[in-house]
Structures are given as C-alpha cells and as structure tokens.
Amino acid sequence: MSIFISIASYCDPLLTFTIERAARTARHPQRLHFGVVDQSPAATPRLQAAKDSPAKLSYLRIDPLDARGPAGRVLLR
C-alpha cells in the first residue's frame, strides 16, 4: 500500500523542508509518493536533498508568470 501526497506550492521556501520532514518521520518512507506542482522562478534551487529520499517524487515546475492559479484562470500579461 502507498500514500499519495499532493502538494501545490507557490514560491514556498519551506517546500523542501516539508517533504524531507514527512519522509524522515514516516514509518515506511518508501511507501510515500509526493506529487508536487511547484510555481517558483527557474533560478530557485529546489528539492535537491528530497530527491535522495526513499520516497517517490513526481515533480513539475511552472514559472509563476505562466501559472493560472488554483482555479485555472487565464492570466493576461
């Protein structure tokens, strides 16, 4: 059995800490699967240490200027 944890993040400086802490404190971290949509600038270093965790990580980064928000709104530039 596995547990899927969905995370939508908007420029969150604690994203890596959150994932690492959840994996570190889980009884069976290999059963965790994080699905992360990260809306942060490209220059932001993200999730380096979290990738070494036994938990599975599916990661998608979207530039904040291209993000459509939680309801899928179209942003006009």
PDB file of N, CA and C in Angstrom:
ATOM      1  N   MET A   1       0.844  -1.165   0.000  1.00  0.00           N
ATOM      2  CA  MET A   1       0.000   0.000   0.000  1.00  0.00           C
ATOM      3  C   MET A   1       0.898   1.241   0.000  1.00  0.00           C
ATOM      4  N   SER A   2       0.461   2.290  -0.728  1.00  0.00           N
ATOM      5  CA  SER A   2       1.215   3.534  -0.743  1.00  0.00           C
ATOM      6  C   SER A   2       0.296   4.700  -0.398  1.00  0.00           C
ATOM      7  N   ILE A   3       0.918   5.811  -0.073  1.00  0.00           N
ATOM      8  CA  ILE A   3       0.189   7.034   0.282  1.00  0.00           C
ATOM      9  C   ILE A   3       0.635   8.123  -0.682  1.00  0.00           C
ATOM     10  N   PHE A   4      -0.340   8.721  -1.399  1.00  0.00           N
ATOM     11  CA  PHE A   4      -0.041   9.805  -2.323  1.00  0.00           C
ATOM     12  C   PHE A   4      -0.282  11.135  -1.614  1.00  0.00           C
ATOM     13  N   ILE A   5       0.713  12.015  -1.674  1.00  0.00           N
ATOM     14  CA  ILE A   5       0.631  13.328  -1.039  1.00  0.00           C
ATOM     15  C   ILE A   5       0.773  14.373  -2.132  1.00  0.00           C
ATOM     16  N   SER A   6      -0.308  15.099  -2.387  1.00  0.00           N
ATOM     17  CA  SER A   6      -0.327  16.118  -3.426  1.00  0.00           C
ATOM     18  C   SER A   6       0.017  17.471  -2.814  1.00  0.00           C
ATOM     19  N   ILE A   7       0.983  18.176  -3.427  1.00  0.00           N
ATOM     20  CA  ILE A   7       1.404  19.477  -2.922  1.00  0.00           C
ATOM     21  C   ILE A   7       1.407  20.482  -4.065  1.00  0.00           C
ATOM     22  N   ALA A   8       0.610  21.530  -3.920  1.00  0.00           N
ATOM     23  CA  ALA A   8       0.652  22.663  -4.844  1.00  0.00           C
ATOM     24  C   ALA A   8       1.379  23.776  -4.105  1.00  0.00           C
ATOM     25  N   SER A   9       2.488  24.228  -4.664  1.00  0.00           N
ATOM     26  CA  SER A   9       3.347  25.180  -3.972  1.00  0.00           C
ATOM     27  C   SER A   9       3.524  26.437  -4.800  1.00  0.00           C
ATOM     28  N   TYR A  10       3.344  27.591  -4.175  1.00  0.00           N
ATOM     29  CA  TYR A  10       3.577  28.861  -4.862  1.00  0.00           C
ATOM     30  C   TYR A  10       4.704  29.595  -4.140  1.00  0.00           C
ATOM     31  N   CYS A  11       5.908  29.537  -4.711  1.00  0.00           N
ATOM     32  CA  CYS A  11       7.082  30.244  -4.163  1.00  0.00           C
ATOM     33  C   CYS A  11       7.259  29.963  -2.669  1.00  0.00           C
ATOM     34  N   ASP A  12       7.106  28.724  -2.269  1.00  0.00           N
ATOM     35  CA  ASP A  12       7.177  28.342  -0.862  1.00  0.00           C
ATOM     36  C   ASP A  12       8.610  27.982  -0.477  1.00  0.00           C
ATOM     37  N   PRO A  13       9.247  28.767   0.389  1.00  0.00           N
ATOM     38  CA  PRO A  13      10.626  28.467   0.777  1.00  0.00           C
ATOM     39  C   PRO A  13      10.749  27.225   1.665  1.00  0.00           C
ATOM     40  N   LEU A  14       9.638  26.722   2.198  1.00  0.00           N
ATOM     41  CA  LEU A  14       9.676  25.551   3.077  1.00  0.00           C
ATOM     42  C   LEU A  14       9.290  24.257   2.382  1.00  0.00           C
ATOM     43  N   LEU A  15       9.153  24.274   1.073  1.00  0.00           N
ATOM     44  CA  LEU A  15       8.724  23.075   0.347  1.00  0.00           C
ATOM     45  C   LEU A  15       9.673  21.906   0.571  1.00  0.00           C
ATOM     46  N   THR A  16      10.967  22.112   0.391  1.00  0.00           N
ATOM     47  CA  THR A  16      11.938  21.035   0.588  1.00  0.00           C
ATOM     48  C   THR A  16      11.898  20.524   2.016  1.00  0.00           C
ATOM     49  N   PHE A  17      11.854  21.422   2.976  1.00  0.00           N
ATOM     50  CA  PHE A  17      11.785  21.029   4.393  1.00  0.00           C
ATOM     51  C   PHE A  17      10.550  20.169   4.651  1.00  0.00           C
ATOM     52  N   THR A  18       9.409  20.551   4.104  1.00  0.00           N
ATOM     53  CA  THR A  18       8.163  19.818   4.326  1.00  0.00           C
ATOM     54  C   THR A  18       8.274  18.385   3.819  1.00  0.00           C
ATOM     55  N   ILE A  19       8.796  18.220   2.609  1.00  0.00           N
ATOM     56  CA  ILE A  19       8.916  16.880   2.029  1.00  0.00           C
ATOM     57  C   ILE A  19       9.944  16.042   2.783  1.00  0.00           C
ATOM     58  N   GLU A  20      11.092  16.629   3.085  1.00  0.00           N
ATOM     59  CA  GLU A  20      12.132  15.899   3.819  1.00  0.00           C
ATOM     60  C   GLU A  20      11.641  15.474   5.200  1.00  0.00           C
ATOM     61  N   ARG A  21      10.953  16.355   5.883  1.00  0.00           N
ATOM     62  CA  ARG A  21      10.464  16.038   7.232  1.00  0.00           C
ATOM     63  C   ARG A  21       9.419  14.933   7.195  1.00  0.00           C
ATOM     64  N   ALA A  22       8.507  14.996   6.222  1.00  0.00           N
ATOM     65  CA  ALA A  22       7.488  13.953   6.104  1.00  0.00           C
ATOM     66  C   ALA A  22       8.130  12.596   5.833  1.00  0.00           C
ATOM     67  N   ALA A  23       9.115  12.559   4.931  1.00  0.00           N
ATOM     68  CA  ALA A  23       9.791  11.297   4.611  1.00  0.00           C
ATOM     69  C   ALA A  23      10.623  10.800   5.787  1.00  0.00           C
ATOM     70  N   ARG A  24      11.267  11.708   6.487  1.00  0.00           N
ATOM     71  CA  ARG A  24      12.133  11.325   7.613  1.00  0.00           C
ATOM     72  C   ARG A  24      11.334  10.778   8.792  1.00  0.00           C
ATOM     73  N   THR A  25      10.130  11.287   9.011  1.00  0.00           N
ATOM     74  CA  THR A  25       9.344  10.866  10.168  1.00  0.00           C
ATOM     75  C   THR A  25       8.354   9.743   9.856  1.00  0.00           C
ATOM     76  N   ALA A  26       8.240   9.359   8.593  1.00  0.00           N
ATOM     77  CA  ALA A  26       7.334   8.268   8.222  1.00  0.00           C
ATOM     78  C   ALA A  26       7.908   6.933   8.663  1.00  0.00           C
ATOM     79  N   ARG A  27       7.045   6.053   9.094  1.00  0.00           N
ATOM     80  CA  ARG A  27       7.491   4.714   9.483  1.00  0.00           C
ATOM     81  C   ARG A  27       8.004   3.942   8.267  1.00  0.00           C
ATOM     82  N   HIS A  28       7.334   4.120   7.117  1.00  0.00           N
ATOM     83  CA  HIS A  28       7.731   3.456   5.876  1.00  0.00           C
ATOM     84  C   HIS A  28       7.834   4.508   4.767  1.00  0.00           C
ATOM     85  N   PRO A  29       8.923   5.277   4.720  1.00  0.00           N
ATOM     86  CA  PRO A  29       9.031   6.356   3.745  1.00  0.00           C
ATOM     87  C   PRO A  29       9.003   5.873   2.296  1.00  0.00           C
ATOM     88  N   GLN A  30       9.385   4.627   2.048  1.00  0.00           N
ATOM     89  CA  GLN A  30       9.352   4.102   0.689  1.00  0.00           C
ATOM     90  C   GLN A  30       7.925   3.949   0.171  1.00  0.00           C
ATOM     91  N   ARG A  31       6.945   4.024   1.045  1.00  0.00           N
ATOM     92  CA  ARG A  31       5.539   3.929   0.633  1.00  0.00           C
ATOM     93  C   ARG A  31       4.937   5.288   0.272  1.00  0.00           C
ATOM     94  N   LEU A  32       5.689   6.361   0.508  1.00  0.00           N
ATOM     95  CA  LEU A  32       5.183   7.702   0.208  1.00  0.00           C
ATOM     96  C   LEU A  32       5.445   8.062  -1.249  1.00  0.00           C
ATOM     97  N   HIS A  33       4.471   8.722  -1.865  1.00  0.00           N
ATOM     98  CA  HIS A  33       4.624   9.246  -3.225  1.00  0.00           C
ATOM     99  C   HIS A  33       4.153  10.695  -3.199  1.00  0.00           C
ATOM    100  N   PHE A  34       5.105  11.617  -3.368  1.00  0.00           N
ATOM    101  CA  PHE A  34       4.792  13.045  -3.390  1.00  0.00           C
ATOM    102  C   PHE A  34       4.565  13.479  -4.829  1.00  0.00           C
ATOM    103  N   GLY A  35       3.454  14.146  -5.068  1.00  0.00           N
ATOM    104  CA  GLY A  35       3.173  14.765  -6.356  1.00  0.00           C
ATOM    105  C   GLY A  35       3.227  16.266  -6.150  1.00  0.00           C
ATOM    106  N   VAL A  36       4.238  16.929  -6.698  1.00  0.00           N
ATOM    107  CA  VAL A  36       4.475  18.346  -6.425  1.00  0.00           C
ATOM    108  C   VAL A  36       4.354  19.164  -7.703  1.00  0.00           C
ATOM    109  N   VAL A  37       3.524  20.205  -7.657  1.00  0.00           N
ATOM    110  CA  VAL A  37       3.490  21.223  -8.701  1.00  0.00           C
ATOM    111  C   VAL A  37       4.029  22.480  -8.042  1.00  0.00           C
ATOM    112  N   ASP A  38       5.209  22.886  -8.467  1.00  0.00           N
ATOM    113  CA  ASP A  38       5.939  23.995  -7.843  1.00  0.00           C
ATOM    114  C   ASP A  38       5.906  25.206  -8.768  1.00  0.00           C
ATOM    115  N   GLN A  39       5.291  26.270  -8.308  1.00  0.00           N
ATOM    116  CA  GLN A  39       5.241  27.520  -9.064  1.00  0.00           C
ATOM    117  C   GLN A  39       6.277  28.459  -8.466  1.00  0.00           C
ATOM    118  N   SER A  40       7.507  28.339  -8.965  1.00  0.00           N
ATOM    119  CA  SER A  40       8.596  29.160  -8.452  1.00  0.00           C
ATOM    120  C   SER A  40       9.492  29.575  -9.616  1.00  0.00           C
ATOM    121  N   PRO A  41      10.236  30.676  -9.458  1.00  0.00           N
ATOM    122  CA  PRO A  41      11.156  31.104 -10.528  1.00  0.00           C
ATOM    123  C   PRO A  41      12.188  30.024 -10.848  1.00  0.00           C
ATOM    124  N   ALA A  42      12.641  29.995 -12.082  1.00  0.00           N
ATOM    125  CA  ALA A  42      13.587  28.963 -12.536  1.00  0.00           C
ATOM    126  C   ALA A  42      14.900  28.985 -11.771  1.00  0.00           C
ATOM    127  N   ALA A  43      15.316  30.138 -11.295  1.00  0.00           N
ATOM    128  CA  ALA A  43      16.600  30.253 -10.603  1.00  0.00           C
ATOM    129  C   ALA A  43      16.546  29.734  -9.169  1.00  0.00           C
ATOM    130  N   THR A  44      15.378  29.361  -8.685  1.00  0.00           N
ATOM    131  CA  THR A  44      15.240  28.894  -7.310  1.00  0.00           C
ATOM    132  C   THR A  44      15.685  27.439  -7.198  1.00  0.00           C
ATOM    133  N   PRO A  45      16.734  27.146  -6.405  1.00  0.00           N
ATOM    134  CA  PRO A  45      17.147  25.748  -6.236  1.00  0.00           C
ATOM    135  C   PRO A  45      16.113  25.009  -5.392  1.00  0.00           C
ATOM    136  N   ARG A  46      15.603  23.890  -5.892  1.00  0.00           N
ATOM    137  CA  ARG A  46      14.522  23.195  -5.211  1.00  0.00           C
ATOM    138  C   ARG A  46      14.779  21.697  -5.096  1.00  0.00           C
ATOM    139  N   LEU A  47      14.363  21.137  -4.020  1.00  0.00           N
ATOM    140  CA  LEU A  47      14.243  19.696  -3.802  1.00  0.00           C
ATOM    141  C   LEU A  47      15.494  18.882  -4.094  1.00  0.00           C
ATOM    142  N   GLN A  48      16.661  19.410  -3.864  1.00  0.00           N
ATOM    143  CA  GLN A  48      17.881  18.656  -4.117  1.00  0.00           C
ATOM    144  C   GLN A  48      18.020  17.491  -3.134  1.00  0.00           C
ATOM    145  N   ALA A  49      17.922  17.777  -1.848  1.00  0.00           N
ATOM    146  CA  ALA A  49      18.085  16.715  -0.850  1.00  0.00           C
ATOM    147  C   ALA A  49      16.892  15.780  -0.835  1.00  0.00           C
ATOM    148  N   ALA A  50      15.704  16.295  -1.168  1.00  0.00           N
ATOM    149  CA  ALA A  50      14.498  15.465  -1.151  1.00  0.00           C
ATOM    150  C   ALA A  50      14.571  14.356  -2.199  1.00  0.00           C
ATOM    151  N   LYS A  51      15.345  14.559  -3.250  1.00  0.00           N
ATOM    152  CA  LYS A  51      15.476  13.544  -4.289  1.00  0.00           C
ATOM    153  C   LYS A  51      16.256  12.329  -3.810  1.00  0.00           C
ATOM    154  N   ASP A  52      17.001  12.451  -2.719  1.00  0.00           N
ATOM    155  CA  ASP A  52      17.765  11.330  -2.162  1.00  0.00           C
ATOM    156  C   ASP A  52      16.934  10.483  -1.204  1.00  0.00           C
ATOM    157  N   SER A  53      15.711  10.867  -0.972  1.00  0.00           N
ATOM    158  CA  SER A  53      14.834  10.168  -0.038  1.00  0.00           C
ATOM    159  C   SER A  53      14.328   8.863  -0.656  1.00  0.00           C
ATOM    160  N   PRO A  54      13.978   7.876   0.180  1.00  0.00           N
ATOM    161  CA  PRO A  54      13.395   6.640  -0.362  1.00  0.00           C
ATOM    162  C   PRO A  54      11.966   6.844  -0.870  1.00  0.00           C
ATOM    163  N   ALA A  55      11.350   7.969  -0.545  1.00  0.00           N
ATOM    164  CA  ALA A  55      10.009   8.267  -1.033  1.00  0.00           C
ATOM    165  C   ALA A  55      10.066   8.598  -2.525  1.00  0.00           C
ATOM    166  N   LYS A  56       8.982   8.292  -3.239  1.00  0.00           N
ATOM    167  CA  LYS A  56       8.917   8.620  -4.666  1.00  0.00           C
ATOM    168  C   LYS A  56       8.500  10.079  -4.811  1.00  0.00           C
ATOM    169  N   LEU A  57       9.067  10.754  -5.810  1.00  0.00           N
ATOM    170  CA  LEU A  57       8.778  12.169  -6.034  1.00  0.00           C
ATOM    171  C   LEU A  57       8.474  12.402  -7.506  1.00  0.00           C
ATOM    172  N   SER A  58       7.256  12.896  -7.784  1.00  0.00           N
ATOM    173  CA  SER A  58       6.894  13.356  -9.122  1.00  0.00           C
ATOM    174  C   SER A  58       6.838  14.872  -9.032  1.00  0.00           C
ATOM    175  N   TYR A  59       7.617  15.552  -9.872  1.00  0.00           N
ATOM    176  CA  TYR A  59       7.818  16.994  -9.716  1.00  0.00           C
ATOM    177  C   TYR A  59       7.595  17.715 -11.036  1.00  0.00           C
ATOM    178  N   LEU A  60       6.820  18.811 -10.976  1.00  0.00           N
ATOM    179  CA  LEU A  60       6.600  19.678 -12.125  1.00  0.00           C
ATOM    180  C   LEU A  60       6.770  21.114 -11.670  1.00  0.00           C
ATOM    181  N   ARG A  61       7.678  21.859 -12.348  1.00  0.00           N
ATOM    182  CA  ARG A  61       7.870  23.265 -12.026  1.00  0.00           C
ATOM    183  C   ARG A  61       7.218  24.117 -13.102  1.00  0.00           C
ATOM    184  N   ILE A  62       6.459  25.115 -12.666  1.00  0.00           N
ATOM    185  CA  ILE A  62       5.822  26.064 -13.569  1.00  0.00           C
ATOM    186  C   ILE A  62       6.275  27.454 -13.153  1.00  0.00           C
ATOM    187  N   ASP A  63       6.713  28.248 -14.121  1.00  0.00           N
ATOM    188  CA  ASP A  63       7.104  29.621 -13.817  1.00  0.00           C
ATOM    189  C   ASP A  63       5.883  30.378 -13.298  1.00  0.00           C
ATOM    190  N   PRO A  64       6.034  31.187 -12.239  1.00  0.00           N
ATOM    191  CA  PRO A  64       4.887  31.912 -11.686  1.00  0.00           C
ATOM    192  C   PRO A  64       4.170  32.788 -12.712  1.00  0.00           C
ATOM    193  N   LEU A  65       4.895  33.283 -13.709  1.00  0.00           N
ATOM    194  CA  LEU A  65       4.250  34.112 -14.737  1.00  0.00           C
ATOM    195  C   LEU A  65       3.336  33.291 -15.638  1.00  0.00           C
ATOM    196  N   ASP A  66       3.587  31.995 -15.733  1.00  0.00           N
ATOM    197  CA  ASP A  66       2.760  31.122 -16.566  1.00  0.00           C
ATOM    198  C   ASP A  66       1.677  30.397 -15.775  1.00  0.00           C
ATOM    199  N   ALA A  67       1.703  30.514 -14.469  1.00  0.00           N
ATOM    200  CA  ALA A  67       0.731  29.817 -13.631  1.00  0.00           C
ATOM    201  C   ALA A  67      -0.655  30.417 -13.834  1.00  0.00           C
ATOM    202  N   ARG A  68      -1.644  29.553 -13.776  1.00  0.00           N
ATOM    203  CA  ARG A  68      -3.027  30.002 -13.952  1.00  0.00           C
ATOM    204  C   ARG A  68      -3.801  30.038 -12.639  1.00  0.00           C
ATOM    205  N   GLY A  69      -3.146  29.790 -11.551  1.00  0.00           N
ATOM    206  CA  GLY A  69      -3.801  29.847 -10.248  1.00  0.00           C
ATOM    207  C   GLY A  69      -4.563  28.575  -9.931  1.00  0.00           C
ATOM    208  N   PRO A  70      -5.127  28.498  -8.740  1.00  0.00           N
ATOM    209  CA  PRO A  70      -5.770  27.264  -8.303  1.00  0.00           C
ATOM    210  C   PRO A  70      -7.046  26.937  -9.076  1.00  0.00           C
ATOM    211  N   ALA A  71      -7.678  27.917  -9.696  1.00  0.00           N
ATOM    212  CA  ALA A  71      -8.922  27.665 -10.431  1.00  0.00           C
ATOM    213  C   ALA A  71      -8.702  27.622 -11.935  1.00  0.00           C
ATOM    214  N   GLY A  72      -7.464  27.675 -12.387  1.00  0.00           N
ATOM    215  CA  GLY A  72      -7.166  27.591 -13.801  1.00  0.00           C
ATOM    216  C   GLY A  72      -7.481  28.863 -14.577  1.00  0.00           C
ATOM    217  N   ARG A  73      -7.463  29.980 -13.926  1.00  0.00           N
ATOM    218  CA  ARG A  73      -7.745  31.246 -14.606  1.00  0.00           C
ATOM    219  C   ARG A  73      -6.646  31.571 -15.599  1.00  0.00           C
ATOM    220  N   VAL A  74      -6.999  32.277 -16.630  1.00  0.00           N
ATOM    221  CA  VAL A  74      -6.025  32.715 -17.627  1.00  0.00           C
ATOM    222  C   VAL A  74      -5.476  34.060 -17.187  1.00  0.00           C
ATOM    223  N   LEU A  75      -4.158  34.146 -17.107  1.00  0.00           N
ATOM    224  CA  LEU A  75      -3.514  35.397 -16.728  1.00  0.00           C
ATOM    225  C   LEU A  75      -3.167  36.179 -17.989  1.00  0.00           C
ATOM    226  N   LEU A  76      -3.473  37.447 -17.982  1.00  0.00           N
ATOM    227  CA  LEU A  76      -3.124  38.318 -19.098  1.00  0.00           C
ATOM    228  C   LEU A  76      -1.834  39.024 -18.772  1.00  0.00           C
ATOM    229  N   ARG A  77      -0.908  39.017 -19.700  1.00  0.00           N
ATOM    230  CA  ARG A  77       0.365  39.694 -19.477  1.00  0.00           C
ATOM    231  C   ARG A  77       0.340  41.032 -20.148  1.00  0.00           C
TER     232      ARG A  77
END
